[in-house]
Amino acid sequence: MILIGIDCATQYRNVGIARGSYRDGVALEAVEMGGPATEDRLVEWIEGEEPCLIAMDAPLGWPDALSRSLVDHYAGRVLADDAHALFRRRTDRFIRSRVGKQPLDVGADRIARTAHAALSLLHRLRERTGERIPLAWEPD
C-alpha cells in the first residue's frame, strides 16, 4: 500500500508532501516541499497500481455544535453554545488531554483557511484522478 501524507497549508509553497509504502513495515520514499508541481506529483502517486491511503493534516469538518448553531443563525443572533464547544473538535480535546497542548481552534483564521484549501485540494485530486477518495471514517 502507498501512504501519502499531506501537511496542508493555504498556499502550495507551504504544503509538505511525503510518500511511503507499507509492505513489511513502513518505508519513507520521498518528502517534498510544495510548489507549482505539488498537485501533479500527488496525482502521479495516487494513480499508481497499488492501493493508496492519504493522510491530510487539516481539519476537514467543523465541530458538531458549530454546524448545528450555524444552520439557522443570522447576524446579531446569539450563538447559544459555549465558545469551546463551538470551535474545538473532539480531536482537539483528545490532543489536550493526552499531550497537554491546545491546538488552534477551527475558527482561527489560519486553520479555517487551511481547511478550505485542503478540501479544495481533495476535490481537485478526485476530479483529476477519477477516484472517489472516500474518507476513512464516517462523520457519525
Protein backbone atom coordinates (compact mmCIF):
# COMPACT_ATOMS: atom_id res chain seq x y z
CA MET A 1 0.00 0.00 0.00
CA ILE A 2 1.14 3.54 -0.77
CA LEU A 3 0.92 6.03 2.11
CA ILE A 4 0.71 9.72 1.24
CA GLY A 5 0.98 12.43 3.87
CA ILE A 6 -0.07 15.99 3.11
CA ASP A 7 0.78 18.78 5.54
CA CYS A 8 -1.85 21.21 4.29
CA ALA A 9 -1.47 24.97 4.03
CA THR A 10 -3.26 27.82 2.31
CA GLN A 11 -0.54 28.22 -0.33
CA TYR A 12 1.16 25.43 -2.27
CA ARG A 13 4.65 26.71 -1.44
CA ASN A 14 3.94 25.90 2.22
CA VAL A 15 2.44 22.45 1.62
CA GLY A 16 4.60 19.48 2.51
CA ILE A 17 4.03 16.05 0.98
CA ALA A 18 5.51 12.65 1.73
CA ARG A 19 5.19 9.26 0.10
CA GLY A 20 5.84 5.99 1.80
CA SER A 21 4.95 2.37 1.34
CA TYR A 22 3.74 -0.34 3.65
CA ARG A 23 4.89 -3.83 2.84
CA ASP A 24 6.96 -5.42 5.60
CA GLY A 25 6.79 -2.22 7.62
CA VAL A 26 6.69 1.42 6.64
CA ALA A 27 9.35 2.80 4.32
CA LEU A 28 9.64 6.52 3.57
CA GLU A 29 10.32 7.05 -0.13
CA ALA A 30 10.01 10.78 -0.81
CA VAL A 31 9.49 14.07 1.00
CA GLU A 32 8.90 17.31 -0.87
CA MET A 33 8.06 20.91 -0.09
CA GLY A 34 5.18 22.32 -2.04
CA GLY A 35 5.37 24.33 -5.19
CA PRO A 36 3.66 24.58 -8.56
CA ALA A 37 4.09 20.84 -9.24
CA THR A 38 2.69 19.64 -5.88
CA GLU A 39 -0.72 18.67 -7.20
CA ASP A 40 0.80 16.96 -10.26
CA ARG A 41 3.09 14.90 -8.00
CA LEU A 42 0.14 13.86 -5.80
CA VAL A 43 -1.88 12.80 -8.85
CA GLU A 44 1.11 10.75 -10.05
CA TRP A 45 1.39 9.00 -6.68
CA ILE A 46 -2.35 8.31 -6.43
CA GLU A 47 -2.69 6.92 -9.96
CA GLY A 48 -0.19 4.10 -9.41
CA GLU A 49 -1.14 0.44 -9.36
CA GLU A 50 -1.11 -0.02 -5.60
CA PRO A 51 -3.91 0.98 -3.22
CA CYS A 52 -3.31 4.34 -1.62
CA LEU A 53 -4.06 5.88 1.79
CA ILE A 54 -3.91 9.67 2.05
CA ALA A 55 -3.43 11.33 5.45
CA MET A 56 -4.16 15.07 5.44
CA ASP A 57 -3.07 17.32 8.30
CA ALA A 58 -6.05 19.70 8.22
CA PRO A 59 -9.45 19.92 9.85
CA LEU A 60 -11.84 18.59 7.21
CA GLY A 61 -15.01 19.39 9.09
CA TRP A 62 -16.47 21.59 11.79
CA PRO A 63 -17.36 20.70 15.38
CA ASP A 64 -20.93 19.39 15.70
CA ALA A 65 -22.02 22.29 17.91
CA LEU A 66 -20.81 24.85 15.35
CA SER A 67 -22.55 23.06 12.47
CA ARG A 68 -25.83 22.92 14.39
CA SER A 69 -25.57 26.54 15.52
CA LEU A 70 -24.97 27.97 12.05
CA VAL A 71 -27.90 26.30 10.30
CA ASP A 72 -30.45 28.91 11.41
CA HIS A 73 -28.09 31.66 12.52
CA TYR A 74 -28.25 35.21 11.24
CA ALA A 75 -26.20 38.30 12.06
CA GLY A 76 -26.86 39.69 15.51
CA ARG A 77 -28.33 36.50 16.93
CA VAL A 78 -26.58 34.84 19.88
CA LEU A 79 -24.78 31.52 19.47
CA ALA A 80 -26.11 29.51 22.42
CA ASP A 81 -23.25 27.06 22.89
CA ASP A 82 -20.04 27.76 24.79
CA ALA A 83 -17.23 29.05 22.54
CA HIS A 84 -15.07 26.00 23.35
CA ALA A 85 -17.87 23.69 22.21
CA LEU A 86 -18.33 25.71 19.02
CA PHE A 87 -14.72 25.94 17.91
CA ARG A 88 -12.95 22.87 19.34
CA ARG A 89 -13.23 19.45 17.80
CA ARG A 90 -13.16 16.12 19.61
CA THR A 91 -9.66 15.74 18.15
CA ASP A 92 -8.59 18.98 19.86
CA ARG A 93 -9.91 17.80 23.23
CA PHE A 94 -8.13 14.45 22.78
CA ILE A 95 -4.81 16.14 22.00
CA ARG A 96 -5.22 18.45 25.01
CA SER A 97 -5.90 15.51 27.36
CA ARG A 98 -3.09 13.31 26.02
CA VAL A 99 -0.37 15.76 25.06
CA GLY A 100 -1.23 18.73 27.22
CA LYS A 101 -1.21 21.20 24.33
CA GLN A 102 -4.22 23.02 22.92
CA PRO A 103 -4.42 23.03 19.10
CA LEU A 104 -5.70 26.16 17.38
CA ASP A 105 -9.49 26.40 17.29
CA VAL A 106 -11.05 25.62 13.90
CA GLY A 107 -12.40 29.15 13.73
CA ALA A 108 -8.89 30.61 13.87
CA ASP A 109 -8.01 32.34 10.62
CA ARG A 110 -5.15 30.09 9.56
CA ILE A 111 -6.96 26.88 10.48
CA ALA A 112 -10.22 27.78 8.74
CA ARG A 113 -8.38 28.86 5.59
CA THR A 114 -6.22 25.73 5.67
CA ALA A 115 -9.37 23.60 5.97
CA HIS A 116 -10.81 25.39 2.93
CA ALA A 117 -7.60 24.87 0.94
CA ALA A 118 -7.37 21.19 1.98
CA LEU A 119 -10.95 20.47 0.92
CA SER A 120 -10.33 22.24 -2.41
CA LEU A 121 -7.19 20.15 -2.96
CA LEU A 122 -9.09 16.95 -2.15
CA HIS A 123 -11.81 17.94 -4.64
CA ARG A 124 -9.27 18.63 -7.40
CA LEU A 125 -7.47 15.32 -6.73
CA ARG A 126 -10.81 13.50 -7.06
CA GLU A 127 -11.53 15.26 -10.34
CA ARG A 128 -8.08 14.74 -11.82
CA THR A 129 -7.67 11.08 -10.86
CA GLY A 130 -11.29 9.99 -11.34
CA GLU A 131 -11.05 8.30 -7.94
CA ARG A 132 -13.73 8.67 -5.25
CA ILE A 133 -11.11 9.10 -2.50
CA PRO A 134 -13.56 8.41 0.35
CA LEU A 135 -12.80 9.41 3.91
CA ALA A 136 -11.62 6.54 6.08
CA TRP A 137 -14.20 7.36 8.77
CA GLU A 138 -17.86 8.17 8.98
CA PRO A 139 -18.93 11.52 10.47
CA ASP A 140 -21.42 9.77 12.76
